[in-house]
Amino acid sequence: MHFPENILYTKDHEWLKITDGFAFIGITDFAQKELGDILYVEIETVNETLKQNEVFGTIEAVKTVSDLFMPLGGVIIEINPKIISNPELMNNDPYGEGWLIKIKASDKVGSANLLNSQKYKALLGLN
């Protein structure tokens, strides 16, 4: 499994990369492996302001349907259009082309609850 060091992780197996007050959010390599083949993603929260840990959408995979949780509070300003027509991008490139949403972060304090790659690997029992 791959754990880039330049991003942050959540206990719910999502990642985020913060750049200039914006954050790109997706699911981790671990999450996509656990879910299996991803068939569909539903995100109907564009232009909504959500708090940290609120549900912003769902992923449907061969094995299950899972909620997606906001790792940081903010306004969802964009959904990755590529995942709507090619949800398998979340399996093939979870940290790149398979990102889910872009937000305008409003909750800088919430970032204290996020994990670096070493802490995330420890959470998974991989250290």
N, C-alpha and C. Protein backbone atom coordinates (compact mmCIF):
# COMPACT_ATOMS: atom_id res chain seq x y z
N MET A 1 0.84 -1.19 0.00
CA MET A 1 0.00 0.00 0.00
C MET A 1 0.88 1.24 0.00
N HIS A 2 0.32 2.28 -0.54
CA HIS A 2 1.04 3.53 -0.72
C HIS A 2 0.50 4.58 0.27
N PHE A 3 1.43 5.29 0.95
CA PHE A 3 1.05 6.32 1.92
C PHE A 3 1.89 7.58 1.68
N PRO A 4 1.49 8.44 0.75
CA PRO A 4 2.26 9.66 0.50
C PRO A 4 2.45 10.47 1.78
N GLU A 5 3.63 11.07 1.92
CA GLU A 5 3.94 11.83 3.12
C GLU A 5 3.51 13.29 3.05
N ASN A 6 3.13 13.77 1.87
CA ASN A 6 2.80 15.19 1.71
C ASN A 6 1.30 15.47 1.89
N ILE A 7 0.56 14.49 2.41
CA ILE A 7 -0.87 14.66 2.65
C ILE A 7 -1.21 14.24 4.07
N LEU A 8 -2.43 14.55 4.50
CA LEU A 8 -2.91 14.18 5.83
C LEU A 8 -4.01 13.13 5.69
N TYR A 9 -4.23 12.38 6.75
CA TYR A 9 -5.16 11.25 6.74
C TYR A 9 -6.15 11.36 7.89
N THR A 10 -7.29 10.66 7.73
CA THR A 10 -8.27 10.59 8.82
C THR A 10 -8.43 9.15 9.28
N LYS A 11 -9.03 9.00 10.43
CA LYS A 11 -9.33 7.66 10.95
C LYS A 11 -10.41 6.97 10.13
N ASP A 12 -11.13 7.76 9.31
CA ASP A 12 -12.17 7.20 8.43
C ASP A 12 -11.62 6.84 7.05
N HIS A 13 -10.28 6.87 6.91
CA HIS A 13 -9.59 6.42 5.69
C HIS A 13 -9.80 7.35 4.50
N GLU A 14 -9.83 8.64 4.81
CA GLU A 14 -9.83 9.65 3.78
C GLU A 14 -8.53 10.43 3.89
N TRP A 15 -8.16 11.07 2.82
CA TRP A 15 -6.95 11.90 2.81
C TRP A 15 -7.31 13.31 2.38
N LEU A 16 -6.44 14.25 2.71
CA LEU A 16 -6.60 15.59 2.19
C LEU A 16 -5.25 16.25 2.02
N LYS A 17 -5.20 17.08 1.01
CA LYS A 17 -4.00 17.87 0.74
C LYS A 17 -4.44 19.32 0.71
N ILE A 18 -3.85 20.12 1.61
CA ILE A 18 -4.22 21.53 1.75
C ILE A 18 -3.23 22.38 0.96
N THR A 19 -3.79 23.25 0.10
CA THR A 19 -2.99 24.15 -0.70
C THR A 19 -3.68 25.50 -0.77
N ASP A 20 -3.04 26.54 -0.23
CA ASP A 20 -3.56 27.91 -0.32
C ASP A 20 -5.01 28.05 0.15
N GLY A 21 -5.36 27.43 1.27
CA GLY A 21 -6.70 27.56 1.83
C GLY A 21 -7.73 26.62 1.23
N PHE A 22 -7.34 25.87 0.21
CA PHE A 22 -8.22 24.87 -0.40
C PHE A 22 -7.71 23.49 -0.02
N ALA A 23 -8.61 22.51 -0.03
CA ALA A 23 -8.20 21.13 0.25
C ALA A 23 -8.82 20.20 -0.76
N PHE A 24 -8.00 19.31 -1.28
CA PHE A 24 -8.48 18.21 -2.13
C PHE A 24 -8.63 17.01 -1.21
N ILE A 25 -9.75 16.29 -1.38
CA ILE A 25 -10.08 15.18 -0.49
C ILE A 25 -10.38 13.94 -1.33
N GLY A 26 -9.91 12.80 -0.82
CA GLY A 26 -10.18 11.53 -1.48
C GLY A 26 -10.16 10.40 -0.47
N ILE A 27 -10.24 9.17 -0.96
CA ILE A 27 -10.13 8.01 -0.08
C ILE A 27 -8.72 7.45 -0.19
N THR A 28 -8.28 6.79 0.85
CA THR A 28 -6.92 6.26 0.88
C THR A 28 -6.80 4.97 0.08
N ASP A 29 -5.56 4.60 -0.18
CA ASP A 29 -5.26 3.34 -0.85
C ASP A 29 -5.83 2.17 -0.05
N PHE A 30 -5.70 2.25 1.27
CA PHE A 30 -6.26 1.21 2.14
C PHE A 30 -7.77 1.10 1.95
N ALA A 31 -8.46 2.25 1.92
CA ALA A 31 -9.92 2.26 1.78
C ALA A 31 -10.35 1.64 0.46
N GLN A 32 -9.68 2.02 -0.62
CA GLN A 32 -10.10 1.48 -1.92
C GLN A 32 -9.87 -0.02 -2.00
N LYS A 33 -8.80 -0.51 -1.35
CA LYS A 33 -8.56 -1.96 -1.34
C LYS A 33 -9.64 -2.69 -0.52
N GLU A 34 -10.04 -2.10 0.60
CA GLU A 34 -11.07 -2.69 1.44
C GLU A 34 -12.44 -2.68 0.74
N LEU A 35 -12.73 -1.62 0.01
CA LEU A 35 -14.02 -1.50 -0.67
C LEU A 35 -14.13 -2.45 -1.86
N GLY A 36 -13.03 -2.72 -2.52
CA GLY A 36 -13.08 -3.49 -3.75
C GLY A 36 -13.40 -2.56 -4.92
N ASP A 37 -13.86 -3.13 -6.01
CA ASP A 37 -14.14 -2.33 -7.20
C ASP A 37 -15.21 -1.29 -6.91
N ILE A 38 -14.87 -0.02 -7.12
CA ILE A 38 -15.81 1.07 -6.88
C ILE A 38 -16.66 1.26 -8.12
N LEU A 39 -17.98 1.25 -7.91
CA LEU A 39 -18.93 1.31 -9.02
C LEU A 39 -19.55 2.68 -9.22
N TYR A 40 -19.70 3.43 -8.12
CA TYR A 40 -20.48 4.66 -8.19
C TYR A 40 -20.15 5.54 -7.00
N VAL A 41 -20.15 6.83 -7.22
CA VAL A 41 -20.00 7.78 -6.13
C VAL A 41 -21.15 8.79 -6.23
N GLU A 42 -21.72 9.13 -5.09
CA GLU A 42 -22.81 10.11 -5.06
C GLU A 42 -22.43 11.23 -4.10
N ILE A 43 -22.32 12.43 -4.66
CA ILE A 43 -22.00 13.61 -3.86
C ILE A 43 -22.96 14.71 -4.31
N GLU A 44 -23.88 15.07 -3.42
CA GLU A 44 -24.89 16.09 -3.73
C GLU A 44 -24.76 17.30 -2.82
N THR A 45 -23.54 17.56 -2.37
CA THR A 45 -23.33 18.62 -1.39
C THR A 45 -22.50 19.78 -1.92
N VAL A 46 -22.41 19.94 -3.24
CA VAL A 46 -21.65 21.06 -3.81
C VAL A 46 -22.28 22.38 -3.36
N ASN A 47 -21.43 23.32 -3.03
CA ASN A 47 -21.81 24.65 -2.55
C ASN A 47 -22.41 24.64 -1.15
N GLU A 48 -22.33 23.52 -0.46
CA GLU A 48 -22.81 23.45 0.92
C GLU A 48 -21.63 23.59 1.88
N THR A 49 -21.90 24.21 3.02
CA THR A 49 -20.91 24.30 4.08
C THR A 49 -21.16 23.16 5.05
N LEU A 50 -20.17 22.34 5.25
CA LEU A 50 -20.28 21.20 6.15
C LEU A 50 -19.21 21.28 7.23
N LYS A 51 -19.53 20.74 8.39
CA LYS A 51 -18.59 20.69 9.50
C LYS A 51 -17.74 19.42 9.40
N GLN A 52 -16.64 19.45 10.12
CA GLN A 52 -15.78 18.27 10.19
C GLN A 52 -16.61 17.07 10.65
N ASN A 53 -16.39 15.92 10.01
CA ASN A 53 -17.05 14.64 10.30
C ASN A 53 -18.47 14.52 9.78
N GLU A 54 -19.02 15.55 9.14
CA GLU A 54 -20.34 15.41 8.52
C GLU A 54 -20.22 14.61 7.23
N VAL A 55 -21.27 13.89 6.87
CA VAL A 55 -21.28 13.10 5.64
C VAL A 55 -21.44 14.02 4.44
N PHE A 56 -20.55 13.85 3.43
CA PHE A 56 -20.67 14.66 2.23
C PHE A 56 -21.07 13.85 1.00
N GLY A 57 -21.14 12.53 1.14
CA GLY A 57 -21.52 11.69 0.02
C GLY A 57 -21.39 10.21 0.37
N THR A 58 -21.58 9.37 -0.65
CA THR A 58 -21.43 7.92 -0.47
C THR A 58 -20.68 7.32 -1.65
N ILE A 59 -20.05 6.19 -1.37
CA ILE A 59 -19.38 5.40 -2.40
C ILE A 59 -20.04 4.03 -2.43
N GLU A 60 -20.40 3.58 -3.62
CA GLU A 60 -20.94 2.23 -3.78
C GLU A 60 -19.87 1.38 -4.44
N ALA A 61 -19.54 0.27 -3.79
CA ALA A 61 -18.55 -0.66 -4.31
C ALA A 61 -19.17 -2.05 -4.37
N VAL A 62 -18.42 -2.98 -4.92
CA VAL A 62 -18.90 -4.35 -5.04
C VAL A 62 -19.26 -4.91 -3.67
N LYS A 63 -18.45 -4.59 -2.66
CA LYS A 63 -18.63 -5.17 -1.33
C LYS A 63 -19.62 -4.44 -0.44
N THR A 64 -19.78 -3.12 -0.63
CA THR A 64 -20.56 -2.34 0.34
C THR A 64 -20.87 -0.93 -0.18
N VAL A 65 -21.68 -0.21 0.57
CA VAL A 65 -21.89 1.22 0.35
C VAL A 65 -21.36 1.91 1.61
N SER A 66 -20.54 2.93 1.41
CA SER A 66 -19.91 3.62 2.54
C SER A 66 -20.14 5.12 2.47
N ASP A 67 -20.34 5.71 3.65
CA ASP A 67 -20.45 7.16 3.74
C ASP A 67 -19.06 7.78 3.61
N LEU A 68 -19.04 9.01 3.12
CA LEU A 68 -17.82 9.81 3.03
C LEU A 68 -17.94 10.94 4.03
N PHE A 69 -16.92 11.14 4.86
CA PHE A 69 -16.96 12.13 5.93
C PHE A 69 -15.99 13.27 5.65
N MET A 70 -16.42 14.49 5.97
CA MET A 70 -15.57 15.66 5.81
C MET A 70 -14.41 15.59 6.81
N PRO A 71 -13.18 15.59 6.33
CA PRO A 71 -12.05 15.57 7.24
C PRO A 71 -11.76 16.94 7.86
N LEU A 72 -12.35 17.98 7.26
CA LEU A 72 -12.14 19.34 7.70
C LEU A 72 -13.39 20.14 7.32
N GLY A 73 -13.80 21.06 8.18
CA GLY A 73 -14.96 21.87 7.85
C GLY A 73 -14.69 22.80 6.68
N GLY A 74 -15.73 23.06 5.88
CA GLY A 74 -15.57 23.98 4.77
C GLY A 74 -16.71 23.88 3.77
N VAL A 75 -16.57 24.65 2.69
CA VAL A 75 -17.55 24.67 1.62
C VAL A 75 -17.04 23.79 0.48
N ILE A 76 -17.88 22.88 0.03
CA ILE A 76 -17.51 22.04 -1.11
C ILE A 76 -17.70 22.87 -2.37
N ILE A 77 -16.60 23.12 -3.07
CA ILE A 77 -16.67 23.98 -4.25
C ILE A 77 -16.57 23.21 -5.56
N GLU A 78 -16.15 21.96 -5.49
CA GLU A 78 -16.02 21.20 -6.75
C GLU A 78 -16.02 19.70 -6.47
N ILE A 79 -16.65 18.97 -7.37
CA ILE A 79 -16.55 17.51 -7.41
C ILE A 79 -15.66 17.17 -8.60
N ASN A 80 -14.80 16.21 -8.43
CA ASN A 80 -13.95 15.76 -9.53
C ASN A 80 -14.86 15.17 -10.62
N PRO A 81 -14.99 15.82 -11.78
CA PRO A 81 -15.89 15.32 -12.82
C PRO A 81 -15.46 13.96 -13.38
N LYS A 82 -14.17 13.66 -13.28
CA LYS A 82 -13.67 12.39 -13.82
C LYS A 82 -14.21 11.17 -13.07
N ILE A 83 -14.46 11.31 -11.77
CA ILE A 83 -14.92 10.14 -11.00
C ILE A 83 -16.38 9.82 -11.23
N ILE A 84 -17.13 10.78 -11.75
CA ILE A 84 -18.55 10.53 -12.03
C ILE A 84 -18.66 9.52 -13.17
N SER A 85 -17.88 9.73 -14.23
CA SER A 85 -17.94 8.81 -15.36
C SER A 85 -16.94 7.66 -15.25
N ASN A 86 -15.91 7.82 -14.42
CA ASN A 86 -14.89 6.78 -14.24
C ASN A 86 -14.59 6.55 -12.76
N PRO A 87 -15.54 5.99 -12.01
CA PRO A 87 -15.32 5.81 -10.57
C PRO A 87 -14.13 4.90 -10.26
N GLU A 88 -13.72 4.07 -11.22
CA GLU A 88 -12.57 3.18 -10.99
C GLU A 88 -11.28 3.96 -10.80
N LEU A 89 -11.26 5.26 -11.11
CA LEU A 89 -10.08 6.08 -10.84
C LEU A 89 -9.74 6.07 -9.35
N MET A 90 -10.77 5.92 -8.50
CA MET A 90 -10.53 5.86 -7.06
C MET A 90 -9.77 4.60 -6.69
N ASN A 91 -9.95 3.53 -7.45
CA ASN A 91 -9.18 2.30 -7.24
C ASN A 91 -7.78 2.41 -7.84
N ASN A 92 -7.70 2.97 -9.04
CA ASN A 92 -6.44 2.98 -9.78
C ASN A 92 -5.47 4.07 -9.37
N ASP A 93 -5.97 5.21 -8.93
CA ASP A 93 -5.13 6.36 -8.60
C ASP A 93 -5.77 7.18 -7.48
N PRO A 94 -5.89 6.58 -6.27
CA PRO A 94 -6.64 7.26 -5.20
C PRO A 94 -6.06 8.60 -4.76
N TYR A 95 -4.75 8.81 -4.90
CA TYR A 95 -4.13 10.05 -4.45
C TYR A 95 -3.91 11.05 -5.59
N GLY A 96 -4.31 10.69 -6.80
CA GLY A 96 -4.11 11.56 -7.94
C GLY A 96 -5.42 11.85 -8.65
N GLU A 97 -5.60 11.22 -9.80
CA GLU A 97 -6.79 11.44 -10.63
C GLU A 97 -8.09 11.02 -9.93
N GLY A 98 -8.00 10.22 -8.87
CA GLY A 98 -9.18 9.72 -8.17
C GLY A 98 -9.64 10.55 -6.99
N TRP A 99 -9.19 11.80 -6.91
CA TRP A 99 -9.67 12.66 -5.81
C TRP A 99 -11.18 12.88 -5.94
N LEU A 100 -11.82 13.18 -4.82
CA LEU A 100 -13.28 13.31 -4.79
C LEU A 100 -13.78 14.74 -4.88
N ILE A 101 -13.37 15.57 -3.92
CA ILE A 101 -13.89 16.93 -3.84
C ILE A 101 -12.78 17.92 -3.54
N LYS A 102 -13.08 19.18 -3.86
CA LYS A 102 -12.23 20.30 -3.49
C LYS A 102 -13.08 21.20 -2.59
N ILE A 103 -12.50 21.60 -1.46
CA ILE A 103 -13.23 22.47 -0.53
C ILE A 103 -12.45 23.74 -0.24
N LYS A 104 -13.18 24.76 0.15
CA LYS A 104 -12.58 25.97 0.72
C LYS A 104 -12.63 25.74 2.22
N ALA A 105 -11.46 25.48 2.80
CA ALA A 105 -11.39 25.12 4.21
C ALA A 105 -11.77 26.30 5.09
N SER A 106 -12.58 26.02 6.12
CA SER A 106 -12.95 27.06 7.08
C SER A 106 -12.56 26.67 8.49
N ASP A 107 -12.14 25.43 8.67
CA ASP A 107 -11.90 24.88 10.01
C ASP A 107 -10.42 24.51 10.16
N LYS A 108 -9.58 25.51 10.32
CA LYS A 108 -8.14 25.25 10.47
C LYS A 108 -7.85 24.46 11.75
N VAL A 109 -8.66 24.68 12.79
CA VAL A 109 -8.47 23.99 14.06
C VAL A 109 -8.65 22.48 13.89
N GLY A 110 -9.59 22.08 13.03
CA GLY A 110 -9.86 20.67 12.83
C GLY A 110 -8.69 19.89 12.28
N SER A 111 -7.73 20.59 11.67
CA SER A 111 -6.58 19.88 11.11
C SER A 111 -5.73 19.23 12.19
N ALA A 112 -5.90 19.66 13.43
CA ALA A 112 -5.16 19.05 14.54
C ALA A 112 -5.58 17.59 14.75
N ASN A 113 -6.77 17.22 14.28
CA ASN A 113 -7.25 15.84 14.44
C ASN A 113 -6.81 14.93 13.30
N LEU A 114 -6.06 15.46 12.34
CA LEU A 114 -5.63 14.68 11.20
C LEU A 114 -4.31 13.98 11.48
N LEU A 115 -4.03 12.95 10.72
CA LEU A 115 -2.85 12.12 10.95
C LEU A 115 -1.83 12.28 9.82
N ASN A 116 -0.55 12.27 10.18
CA ASN A 116 0.47 12.20 9.14
C ASN A 116 0.59 10.75 8.68
N SER A 117 1.42 10.48 7.69
CA SER A 117 1.50 9.13 7.14
C SER A 117 1.95 8.10 8.17
N GLN A 118 2.87 8.48 9.05
CA GLN A 118 3.35 7.53 10.06
C GLN A 118 2.25 7.17 11.06
N LYS A 119 1.49 8.15 11.49
CA LYS A 119 0.39 7.89 12.44
C LYS A 119 -0.72 7.10 11.78
N TYR A 120 -0.96 7.36 10.48
CA TYR A 120 -1.99 6.61 9.78
C TYR A 120 -1.57 5.14 9.63
N LYS A 121 -0.32 4.91 9.29
CA LYS A 121 0.19 3.53 9.19
C LYS A 121 0.09 2.83 10.55
N ALA A 122 0.36 3.55 11.62
CA ALA A 122 0.25 2.98 12.97
C ALA A 122 -1.20 2.62 13.27
N LEU A 123 -2.14 3.47 12.86
CA LEU A 123 -3.57 3.19 13.03
C LEU A 123 -3.95 1.87 12.35
N LEU A 124 -3.33 1.62 11.20
CA LEU A 124 -3.61 0.39 10.45
C LEU A 124 -2.80 -0.80 10.95
N GLY A 125 -1.91 -0.56 11.92
CA GLY A 125 -1.08 -1.63 12.44
C GLY A 125 0.05 -2.01 11.52
N LEU A 126 0.53 -1.05 10.74
CA LEU A 126 1.58 -1.33 9.74
C LEU A 126 2.95 -0.81 10.12
N ASN A 127 3.11 -0.29 11.33
CA ASN A 127 4.44 0.20 11.74
C ASN A 127 5.23 -0.86 12.41
